[in-house]
Protein backbone atom coordinates (compact mmCIF):
# COMPACT_ATOMS: atom_id res chain seq x y z
CA MET A 1 14.23 -46.42 19.16
CA GLU A 2 11.14 -44.72 18.15
CA LYS A 3 10.12 -44.92 14.59
CA ILE A 4 7.56 -41.99 12.70
CA ASN A 5 4.22 -43.09 12.70
CA TYR A 6 2.59 -42.97 9.45
CA ILE A 7 -1.13 -42.31 9.48
CA ILE A 8 -1.66 -40.95 5.78
CA LYS A 9 1.86 -41.95 3.40
CA GLU A 10 0.68 -40.66 0.41
CA PRO A 11 1.63 -37.58 -1.31
CA SER A 12 -1.01 -34.93 -1.08
CA ARG A 13 -2.22 -32.59 -4.04
CA ALA A 14 -2.31 -28.87 -3.73
CA ILE A 15 -5.83 -27.96 -5.69
CA ASN A 16 -7.34 -24.58 -5.64
CA LEU A 17 -4.53 -22.22 -4.19
CA PRO A 18 -4.72 -18.76 -5.44
CA SER A 19 -2.71 -17.15 -8.30
CA GLU A 20 -1.66 -14.56 -4.94
CA LEU A 21 -0.50 -16.67 -2.22
CA GLY A 22 0.21 -13.95 0.20
CA PHE A 23 2.06 -14.96 3.78
CA GLY A 24 0.63 -17.99 5.85
CA ARG A 25 -2.67 -18.49 5.05
CA TYR A 26 -2.75 -22.00 3.13
CA PHE A 27 -1.62 -24.89 4.98
CA THR A 28 -0.82 -28.66 3.29
CA ASN A 29 -2.75 -31.65 4.52
CA HIS A 30 -0.48 -32.92 7.12
CA ILE A 31 1.83 -31.92 10.34
CA PHE A 32 4.22 -33.52 12.10
CA GLU A 33 3.79 -34.24 15.71
CA MET A 34 5.97 -35.23 18.88
CA ASP A 35 5.24 -35.30 22.43
CA TYR A 36 7.14 -34.53 25.75
CA LEU A 37 6.53 -36.72 28.28
CA PRO A 38 8.18 -36.99 31.50
CA GLU A 39 9.18 -39.89 31.60
CA LYS A 40 9.82 -40.74 28.47
CA GLY A 41 10.94 -37.82 27.02
CA TRP A 42 9.91 -36.61 23.56
CA CYS A 43 8.03 -39.55 21.66
CA ASN A 44 5.37 -40.47 19.69
CA PRO A 45 6.38 -38.39 16.55
CA THR A 46 3.90 -39.17 14.22
CA ILE A 47 2.67 -37.73 10.62
CA LYS A 48 -0.32 -37.12 10.18
CA PRO A 49 -3.29 -35.11 8.40
CA PHE A 50 -3.65 -31.24 9.64
CA THR A 51 -6.84 -30.92 11.92
CA ASP A 52 -7.90 -28.35 14.48
CA MET A 53 -6.18 -29.26 18.06
CA ALA A 54 -8.47 -29.34 21.40
CA PHE A 55 -6.99 -27.61 24.70
CA HIS A 56 -7.99 -27.39 27.93
CA PRO A 57 -8.66 -23.77 29.51
CA ALA A 58 -5.93 -23.78 31.95
CA THR A 59 -3.30 -24.91 29.14
CA MET A 60 0.11 -23.34 30.40
CA VAL A 61 0.91 -22.09 27.14
CA LEU A 62 -2.03 -20.22 26.97
CA HIS A 63 -1.60 -18.15 30.00
CA TYR A 64 2.29 -18.03 30.14
CA GLY A 65 3.34 -18.25 26.96
CA GLN A 66 5.65 -20.94 27.30
CA ALA A 67 6.49 -21.52 23.46
CA ILE A 68 9.11 -21.33 20.94
CA PHE A 69 9.26 -21.26 17.15
CA GLU A 70 11.53 -21.51 14.17
CA GLY A 71 10.61 -19.85 10.15
CA ILE A 72 12.15 -22.18 7.73
CA LYS A 73 11.80 -22.47 3.70
CA ALA A 74 11.65 -25.62 1.57
CA PHE A 75 11.85 -24.63 -2.43
CA LYS A 76 11.55 -26.27 -5.52
CA THR A 77 15.10 -26.09 -7.60
CA ILE A 78 15.30 -25.83 -11.20
CA ASN A 79 16.19 -30.01 -11.45
CA GLY A 80 12.82 -30.51 -9.77
CA ASP A 81 14.13 -31.05 -5.98
CA ALA A 82 12.52 -30.62 -3.26
CA VAL A 83 14.84 -28.35 -0.80
CA ILE A 84 15.57 -26.59 2.19
CA PHE A 85 17.82 -23.61 2.84
CA ARG A 86 20.05 -24.17 6.47
CA ALA A 87 17.21 -26.80 8.36
CA GLU A 88 20.43 -27.75 10.88
CA THR A 89 21.12 -24.31 12.01
CA HIS A 90 17.71 -23.05 12.05
CA ILE A 91 16.77 -26.18 14.54
CA GLU A 92 19.74 -24.85 16.77
CA ARG A 93 18.23 -21.87 17.00
CA LEU A 94 15.09 -23.54 18.13
CA ASN A 95 17.17 -25.54 20.58
CA ASN A 96 18.76 -21.85 21.96
CA SER A 97 15.57 -20.32 22.30
CA ALA A 98 14.48 -23.74 24.36
CA ARG A 99 17.07 -23.18 26.88
CA ARG A 100 16.87 -19.97 27.83
CA ILE A 101 12.05 -20.70 27.87
CA CYS A 102 12.95 -23.95 30.14
CA ILE A 103 11.73 -26.33 27.13
CA PRO A 104 12.97 -29.50 26.47
CA GLU A 105 15.78 -29.77 23.67
CA VAL A 106 14.90 -32.10 20.74
CA ASP A 107 17.71 -34.22 18.44
CA VAL A 108 18.74 -31.52 15.21
CA ASN A 109 19.58 -34.87 13.50
CA PHE A 110 15.58 -36.19 13.46
CA VAL A 111 14.33 -33.00 13.45
CA VAL A 112 15.75 -32.38 11.02
CA ASP A 113 14.89 -35.33 8.93
CA ALA A 114 11.53 -35.09 10.15
CA MET A 115 10.73 -32.18 8.56
CA ARG A 116 12.66 -33.93 5.09
CA GLU A 117 9.98 -36.67 5.33
CA LEU A 118 6.89 -34.15 6.01
CA VAL A 119 8.70 -31.77 3.01
CA SER A 120 9.04 -34.74 0.45
CA ILE A 121 4.79 -36.16 1.10
CA GLU A 122 4.00 -32.41 0.53
CA LYS A 123 6.43 -31.58 -2.72
CA ASP A 124 3.93 -30.98 -4.68
CA TRP A 125 2.66 -28.11 -2.62
CA ILE A 126 5.80 -26.42 -2.83
CA PRO A 127 5.69 -23.28 -5.41
CA THR A 128 7.44 -22.40 -7.78
CA ASN A 129 7.34 -18.88 -9.27
CA LYS A 130 10.14 -16.75 -8.59
CA GLY A 131 10.02 -15.78 -4.84
CA GLU A 132 7.08 -18.53 -3.34
CA ALA A 133 8.49 -21.18 -1.50
CA LEU A 134 7.15 -23.82 1.05
CA TYR A 135 7.00 -22.24 4.81
CA ILE A 136 7.95 -24.33 7.25
CA ARG A 137 6.94 -23.76 11.26
CA PRO A 138 8.16 -25.56 13.37
CA PHE A 139 7.27 -25.03 17.50
CA ILE A 140 6.77 -25.85 20.56
CA PHE A 141 4.23 -24.93 23.58
CA GLY A 142 4.20 -26.26 27.49
CA MET A 143 0.61 -28.39 27.54
CA ASP A 144 0.07 -28.98 31.32
CA PRO A 145 -3.35 -27.85 32.51
CA PHE A 146 -2.29 -26.17 35.12
CA LEU A 147 -2.69 -22.27 36.74
CA GLY A 148 1.18 -22.39 38.55
CA VAL A 149 3.66 -20.43 36.96
CA ASN A 150 6.02 -22.79 36.98
CA PRO A 151 7.77 -24.56 33.36
CA SER A 152 5.41 -26.74 32.24
CA LYS A 153 6.31 -31.04 32.34
CA THR A 154 4.64 -31.93 29.23
CA TYR A 155 5.15 -30.52 25.81
CA LYS A 156 3.51 -30.80 22.16
CA PHE A 157 6.10 -30.16 19.01
CA LEU A 158 4.37 -29.78 15.34
CA ILE A 159 5.41 -28.74 12.23
CA ILE A 160 2.96 -27.33 9.75
CA LEU A 161 3.96 -26.26 6.04
CA SER A 162 2.32 -23.41 4.03
CA PRO A 163 2.89 -22.45 0.48
CA VAL A 164 3.94 -18.66 0.85
CA GLY A 165 4.46 -16.15 -1.85
CA ALA A 166 6.65 -13.11 -1.70
CA TYR A 167 6.61 -11.67 1.57
CA TYR A 168 6.14 -8.12 0.86
CA PRO A 169 3.44 -8.32 -2.21
CA ARG A 170 4.64 -5.07 -4.26
CA GLY A 171 7.74 -7.19 -4.80
CA PHE A 172 11.28 -6.34 -4.28
CA VAL A 173 10.05 -3.07 -3.27
CA PRO A 174 12.22 -0.72 -0.78
CA VAL A 175 10.18 0.18 2.33
CA LYS A 176 9.59 2.44 4.47
CA ILE A 177 11.01 1.92 8.33
CA LEU A 178 10.30 4.36 11.13
CA VAL A 179 12.56 4.06 13.76
CA GLN A 180 10.68 3.67 17.01
CA ASP A 181 12.06 5.69 20.37
CA ASP A 182 8.22 5.40 22.26
CA TYR A 183 8.41 1.66 23.23
CA VAL A 184 10.95 -1.14 23.78
CA ARG A 185 10.85 -4.54 22.11
CA ALA A 186 13.33 -6.32 24.12
CA VAL A 187 16.78 -5.87 26.83
CA ARG A 188 19.86 -7.51 27.15
CA LYS A 189 20.01 -10.63 29.11
CA GLY A 190 16.29 -10.80 27.78
CA LEU A 191 14.26 -13.03 25.74
CA GLY A 192 15.36 -10.57 22.75
CA GLU A 193 17.53 -13.72 20.99
CA CYS A 194 14.88 -15.77 21.47
CA LYS A 195 12.33 -16.94 18.99
CA THR A 196 8.96 -16.54 20.99
CA PRO A 197 5.68 -15.38 20.96
CA ALA A 198 6.43 -12.50 24.20
CA ASN A 199 9.27 -11.00 20.96
CA TYR A 200 6.40 -10.58 18.78
CA ALA A 201 3.55 -9.72 21.04
CA ALA A 202 5.70 -6.84 22.47
CA SER A 203 6.43 -5.50 18.84
CA LEU A 204 2.30 -5.09 17.68
CA LEU A 205 1.26 -2.05 19.08
CA ALA A 206 4.55 -0.20 17.50
CA ALA A 207 3.91 -1.86 14.56
CA GLU A 208 0.28 -0.68 14.40
CA VAL A 209 1.62 2.94 14.90
CA ALA A 210 4.30 2.51 12.45
CA LYS A 211 1.55 1.21 9.68
CA LYS A 212 -0.82 3.87 10.46
CA LYS A 213 1.96 6.75 9.61
CA GLY A 214 2.49 4.94 6.03
CA PHE A 215 5.33 3.26 7.53
CA ASP A 216 5.92 -0.68 6.44
CA GLN A 217 8.37 -1.86 9.68
CA VAL A 218 9.93 -0.70 12.90
CA LEU A 219 13.70 -0.13 13.26
CA TRP A 220 14.04 -0.91 17.28
CA LEU A 221 16.77 1.02 19.48
CA ASP A 222 18.25 -0.27 22.03
CA GLY A 223 16.10 -0.90 25.18
CA VAL A 224 18.46 0.35 27.78
CA GLU A 225 20.23 3.88 26.33
CA GLN A 226 17.61 3.64 23.12
CA LYS A 227 20.40 5.11 21.03
CA TYR A 228 21.87 2.26 19.24
CA ILE A 229 19.85 0.34 16.33
CA GLU A 230 19.14 -3.62 16.56
CA GLU A 231 16.84 -5.20 14.56
CA VAL A 232 13.42 -5.07 12.26
CA GLY A 233 10.21 -6.62 13.36
CA THR A 234 10.62 -9.33 10.77
CA MET A 235 14.49 -8.71 9.86
CA ASN A 236 17.82 -7.77 10.60
CA ILE A 237 19.57 -4.50 9.82
CA PHE A 238 22.28 -3.79 7.35
CA ILE A 239 23.42 -0.03 6.94
CA THR A 240 25.79 0.40 3.91
CA PHE A 241 28.03 2.75 4.07
CA LYS A 242 30.85 4.05 1.59
CA ASP A 243 33.70 2.47 3.26
CA GLU A 244 32.20 -0.50 4.72
CA ILE A 245 29.24 -2.88 5.58
CA VAL A 246 27.76 -2.95 9.60
CA THR A 247 25.08 -4.79 11.19
CA PRO A 248 24.20 -4.82 14.89
CA LYS A 249 26.60 -7.04 17.07
CA LEU A 250 24.34 -9.34 18.72
CA ASN A 251 24.31 -9.07 22.83
CA GLY A 252 21.50 -10.81 23.73
CA SER A 253 18.65 -8.34 22.54
CA ILE A 254 18.98 -9.55 19.18
CA LEU A 255 17.53 -12.68 16.98
CA PRO A 256 20.78 -13.95 15.51
CA GLY A 257 18.84 -14.58 12.37
CA VAL A 258 20.01 -17.41 9.83
CA THR A 259 19.65 -15.11 6.93
CA ARG A 260 21.97 -12.44 8.42
CA ARG A 261 24.55 -15.51 9.26
CA SER A 262 24.48 -16.19 5.55
CA VAL A 263 25.03 -12.83 4.12
CA ILE A 264 27.49 -11.87 6.42
CA GLN A 265 29.63 -15.24 4.93
CA ILE A 266 28.47 -13.89 1.69
CA LEU A 267 30.27 -10.81 2.27
CA GLU A 268 33.05 -11.92 3.60
CA GLU A 269 33.86 -14.28 0.51
CA TRP A 270 32.59 -10.97 -1.61
CA GLY A 271 35.60 -9.36 -0.24
CA GLU A 272 33.46 -6.90 1.40
CA ASN A 273 34.51 -4.86 4.36
CA ILE A 274 31.43 -5.97 6.36
CA ASN A 275 31.77 -5.54 10.31
CA GLN A 276 29.22 -6.44 13.33
CA ARG A 277 29.52 -3.82 15.72
CA MET A 278 27.31 -1.19 18.04
CA ILE A 279 25.85 1.58 15.52
CA SER A 280 23.96 4.47 16.98
CA ILE A 281 21.06 6.03 15.16
CA ASP A 282 23.25 9.51 15.74
CA GLU A 283 25.59 7.94 13.39
CA ILE A 284 23.21 6.86 10.72
CA VAL A 285 21.31 10.53 10.96
CA ASP A 286 25.08 12.18 10.80
CA SER A 287 25.98 9.49 7.58
CA TYR A 288 23.14 10.66 5.86
CA LYS A 289 23.38 14.28 5.89
CA THR A 290 27.25 13.85 4.80
CA GLY A 291 26.72 11.23 2.33
CA ARG A 292 28.75 8.40 3.94
CA LEU A 293 25.26 6.52 4.23
CA VAL A 294 24.76 4.27 0.87
CA GLY A 295 22.18 1.81 1.75
CA ILE A 296 20.04 0.25 4.09
CA PHE A 297 18.75 -3.34 4.08
CA GLY A 298 17.29 -5.80 5.76
CA THR A 299 17.36 -10.08 5.66
CA GLY A 300 15.12 -12.26 7.13
CA THR A 301 14.07 -15.80 5.95
CA ALA A 302 10.39 -14.37 5.14
CA ALA A 303 11.47 -11.35 2.89
CA ILE A 304 15.09 -13.11 2.67
CA ILE A 305 16.94 -9.44 0.81
CA SER A 306 14.36 -5.76 1.81
CA SER A 307 16.14 -3.14 0.47
CA VAL A 308 14.61 0.13 2.84
CA GLY A 309 13.83 3.01 0.77
CA MET A 310 13.03 5.53 3.66
CA LEU A 311 14.10 5.87 7.75
CA SER A 312 12.46 8.11 9.47
CA TYR A 313 13.91 9.48 13.30
CA LYS A 314 12.47 12.27 14.62
CA GLU A 315 12.05 14.96 12.31
CA ASN A 316 14.73 13.23 10.38
CA ASP A 317 13.04 11.84 7.11
CA MET A 318 16.16 10.17 4.90
CA LEU A 319 15.53 8.58 1.30
CA ILE A 320 17.75 6.09 0.70
CA ASN A 321 19.20 5.87 -2.54
CA ASN A 322 16.68 7.88 -3.97
CA GLY A 323 14.23 5.04 -2.86
CA LYS A 324 15.01 2.82 -5.07
CA PRO A 325 16.73 -0.75 -4.54
CA GLY A 326 20.14 -1.15 -3.26
CA GLU A 327 22.84 -2.62 -6.04
CA LEU A 328 24.31 -4.80 -2.94
CA ASP A 329 20.86 -5.64 -2.36
CA LEU A 330 19.60 -6.59 -5.22
CA ARG A 331 23.05 -8.72 -5.46
CA LEU A 332 21.91 -10.67 -2.32
CA PHE A 333 18.83 -11.47 -3.24
CA GLU A 334 19.90 -12.99 -6.58
CA GLU A 335 22.41 -14.77 -5.11
CA LEU A 336 20.67 -16.85 -2.45
CA THR A 337 17.70 -17.03 -4.38
CA SER A 338 19.71 -18.89 -7.19
CA ILE A 339 21.30 -20.88 -4.11
CA HIS A 340 17.71 -21.62 -3.01
CA TYR A 341 16.19 -22.61 -7.02
CA GLY A 342 19.64 -24.40 -7.35
CA ILE A 343 20.39 -22.11 -9.98
CA LYS A 344 23.77 -21.71 -8.98
CA PRO A 345 25.97 -24.50 -6.81
CA ASP A 346 25.70 -24.99 -2.92
CA THR A 347 29.07 -24.88 -2.19
CA HIS A 348 28.53 -23.79 1.68
CA ASN A 349 26.30 -27.04 1.83
CA TRP A 350 23.03 -25.32 3.25
CA LEU A 351 20.63 -27.40 1.32
CA THR A 352 18.98 -30.32 2.89
CA TYR A 353 17.16 -32.43 -0.31
CA THR A 354 14.09 -34.52 1.43
CA GLU A 355 14.67 -38.02 -0.50
CA LYS A 356 16.22 -39.58 3.20
CA LYS A 357 13.44 -42.01 4.68
CA GLY A 358 12.65 -44.55 7.28
CA ILE A 359 13.37 -41.70 10.32
CA GLU A 360 13.86 -43.38 13.75
CA LEU A 361 13.81 -41.30 17.15
CA VAL A 362 16.59 -42.06 19.30
């Protein structure tokens, strides 16, 4: 049994932060760090000052990308409590990625409690304007100084925190999305369902091409037939038809989004006809032409809910809901953010409060 080692325990103060935080540009004063050693397992849990790190040039993650991460958010409720949204679910997903990348799994309860401790220490960094949050980034990477292609034997686990503004700086303005059929991000039985750097590296070129054409994001098609829609670069996708709401079913090449999961549960509770199934891009184009298509929105930790105002595929530029946010999109955004900030009761037990102290590693 090993307790967290606190090098600095005093709460830190967020000072000199700009009014427009952006995303992932600023970092709090402390990090959580833990090591994995073959003879000891996960050990040396420490909360310490945020510092740069030194690496051996042959550190395996730099050459072979054996790494995984998560993206989580903490909020300050209207009662002043610091809360983390769906912490356990995120760390369970981290372990799913770990299994696929041959990284040792972590103890979910311990990591959630360590996250509580870190957020509690840094609670003054949690911004309070609507749409703002404290972004939590847990990540694990292979540390062996070795150039052989095999799983590392040692690992580093870190949690860093970053106060962030709204993911899309223009606010709740519908985004323009380009359907990508020139490149493939992931295939079934590959790494698509894992939150690993390789997936994001694979998406960069297509995203740059889309931006040069005036689009905000890329919607990926399946990697085999290039027929079925899968997900957007930073979010899962939902299609609202007149008679149903559809999101692509999880097939091994789609990240199982935590916000996606939350939205499906909310829609079911609202009595909506929500289905998880394969949906082709041709069905979307045909539905747009016949008037069956009502709206499109994305879900993700960063954006929460993002309306799609235009979807472009080949010669079809589809203006969705006259380029305005959908009524359902806004309703879902209000529902989720009201839970985040404690405006509505957390009937699903999705919020983790940060009061608990005194953690031991099992």
